[in-house]
Amino acid sequence: MLCQLDNIDDGGAIAVECMLDDVAECLIVVRHDARVFAYRNVCPHNGRRLDWAPGRFLLKDGVLVCAVHGASFVSDSGLCIGGPCRGESLVSVPVRMVAGGVFLAAGSGS
């Protein structure tokens, strides 16, 4: 299990460490009501993490902002809508929810 849905504020995001394809990765897990989305915590612009402090993200009105260069991503699709990597996307990681828990989905490299 990556986390409990209750660990994420509605409209918020947290960082979660996990193994993907036998490599330690940091994921951004975003919550919209009862839906969750996960992305590798890597900005396509320069490969840096998006959090401004460990596990803390700039997220408002469904837009996730990279703390380094200000790239703006739609939090339920990962698409960059502003900044230096406009038109690119965060790398999505499939997740599923079971009984209030957020898990890596089959085929996500777990």
Protein backbone atom coordinates (compact mmCIF):
# COMPACT_ATOMS: atom_id res chain seq x y z
CA MET A 1 0.00 0.00 0.00
CA LEU A 2 1.25 3.49 -0.87
CA CYS A 3 -0.96 5.38 1.58
CA GLN A 4 -4.47 5.76 2.95
CA LEU A 5 -6.84 8.07 1.06
CA ASP A 6 -7.43 9.88 4.36
CA ASN A 7 -3.71 10.82 4.43
CA ILE A 8 -4.33 13.20 1.52
CA ASP A 9 -6.41 16.36 1.88
CA ASP A 10 -9.07 16.69 -0.81
CA GLY A 11 -7.46 18.79 -3.55
CA GLY A 12 -4.04 18.11 -2.06
CA ALA A 13 -1.00 15.97 -2.75
CA ILE A 14 1.59 14.00 -0.81
CA ALA A 15 4.93 12.40 -1.66
CA VAL A 16 5.22 8.64 -1.33
CA GLU A 17 8.37 6.55 -1.66
CA CYS A 18 8.02 3.18 -3.42
CA MET A 19 9.80 0.69 -5.64
CA LEU A 20 9.08 0.80 -9.40
CA ASP A 21 10.90 -1.68 -11.61
CA ASP A 22 13.26 -2.41 -8.68
CA VAL A 23 14.22 1.27 -8.42
CA ALA A 24 13.36 3.52 -5.47
CA GLU A 25 11.08 6.30 -6.71
CA CYS A 26 9.26 9.23 -5.20
CA LEU A 27 5.65 9.60 -6.33
CA ILE A 28 3.25 12.51 -6.11
CA VAL A 29 -0.18 11.20 -5.10
CA VAL A 30 -2.98 13.71 -5.75
CA ARG A 31 -6.55 13.49 -4.43
CA HIS A 32 -9.70 14.85 -6.10
CA ASP A 33 -12.73 13.83 -4.02
CA ALA A 34 -12.53 10.01 -3.99
CA ARG A 35 -10.24 9.82 -7.04
CA VAL A 36 -6.46 9.59 -6.86
CA PHE A 37 -3.74 10.15 -9.44
CA ALA A 38 -0.03 9.38 -9.13
CA TYR A 39 2.99 10.70 -10.99
CA ARG A 40 6.73 10.29 -10.71
CA ASN A 41 8.02 13.30 -8.80
CA VAL A 42 10.15 14.46 -11.71
CA CYS A 43 9.61 17.64 -13.74
CA PRO A 44 9.99 16.96 -17.49
CA HIS A 45 11.75 20.32 -17.88
CA ASN A 46 14.94 19.48 -16.02
CA GLY A 47 14.46 16.25 -14.09
CA ARG A 48 14.17 17.86 -10.66
CA ARG A 49 11.55 17.11 -8.03
CA LEU A 50 8.44 19.29 -7.99
CA ASP A 51 8.12 19.70 -4.20
CA TRP A 52 9.27 22.98 -2.62
CA ALA A 53 10.18 21.11 0.57
CA PRO A 54 10.25 17.33 1.04
CA GLY A 55 6.68 16.12 0.47
CA ARG A 56 5.22 19.66 0.19
CA PHE A 57 3.70 20.76 -3.11
CA LEU A 58 2.38 23.99 -4.57
CA LEU A 59 -1.14 22.90 -5.57
CA LYS A 60 -4.14 25.18 -5.99
CA ASP A 61 -7.37 24.85 -7.94
CA GLY A 62 -6.23 21.61 -9.57
CA VAL A 63 -2.89 22.99 -10.78
CA LEU A 64 0.39 21.56 -9.50
CA VAL A 65 3.36 23.95 -9.83
CA CYS A 66 7.00 22.92 -10.01
CA ALA A 67 8.84 24.81 -7.29
CA VAL A 68 12.04 25.11 -9.36
CA HIS A 69 10.96 26.84 -12.60
CA GLY A 70 7.20 27.30 -12.20
CA ALA A 71 5.96 24.76 -14.74
CA SER A 72 2.21 24.25 -14.16
CA PHE A 73 0.54 20.84 -14.47
CA VAL A 74 -3.13 19.87 -14.46
CA SER A 75 -3.21 17.64 -11.40
CA ASP A 76 -5.68 15.06 -12.76
CA SER A 77 -3.87 14.54 -16.09
CA GLY A 78 -0.25 15.61 -15.54
CA LEU A 79 -0.31 17.84 -18.65
CA CYS A 80 1.92 20.92 -18.47
CA ILE A 81 -0.17 24.00 -19.27
CA GLY A 82 2.41 26.68 -18.54
CA GLY A 83 6.10 27.20 -18.12
CA PRO A 84 9.21 25.82 -19.79
CA CYS A 85 7.80 22.36 -20.60
CA ARG A 86 4.34 23.38 -21.89
CA GLY A 87 2.69 20.48 -23.73
CA GLU A 88 4.78 17.79 -22.01
CA SER A 89 3.40 15.67 -19.17
CA LEU A 90 4.38 14.20 -15.85
CA VAL A 91 4.93 10.44 -15.98
CA SER A 92 1.72 8.84 -14.72
CA VAL A 93 1.85 5.80 -12.44
CA PRO A 94 -1.33 3.68 -12.38
CA VAL A 95 -2.88 3.35 -8.93
CA ARG A 96 -6.07 1.81 -7.57
CA MET A 97 -8.04 2.21 -4.38
CA VAL A 98 -9.15 -0.69 -2.21
CA ALA A 99 -10.98 -0.18 1.09
CA GLY A 100 -9.59 3.35 1.51
CA GLY A 101 -6.02 2.35 0.64
CA VAL A 102 -4.07 3.55 -2.41
CA PHE A 103 -2.06 0.82 -4.13
CA LEU A 104 0.10 0.53 -7.23
CA ALA A 105 -2.05 -0.96 -10.00
CA ALA A 106 -1.03 -4.02 -11.97
CA GLY A 107 1.52 -3.14 -14.65
CA SER A 108 2.95 -0.16 -12.78
CA GLY A 109 6.35 -1.77 -12.26
CA SER A 110 5.80 -2.88 -8.69
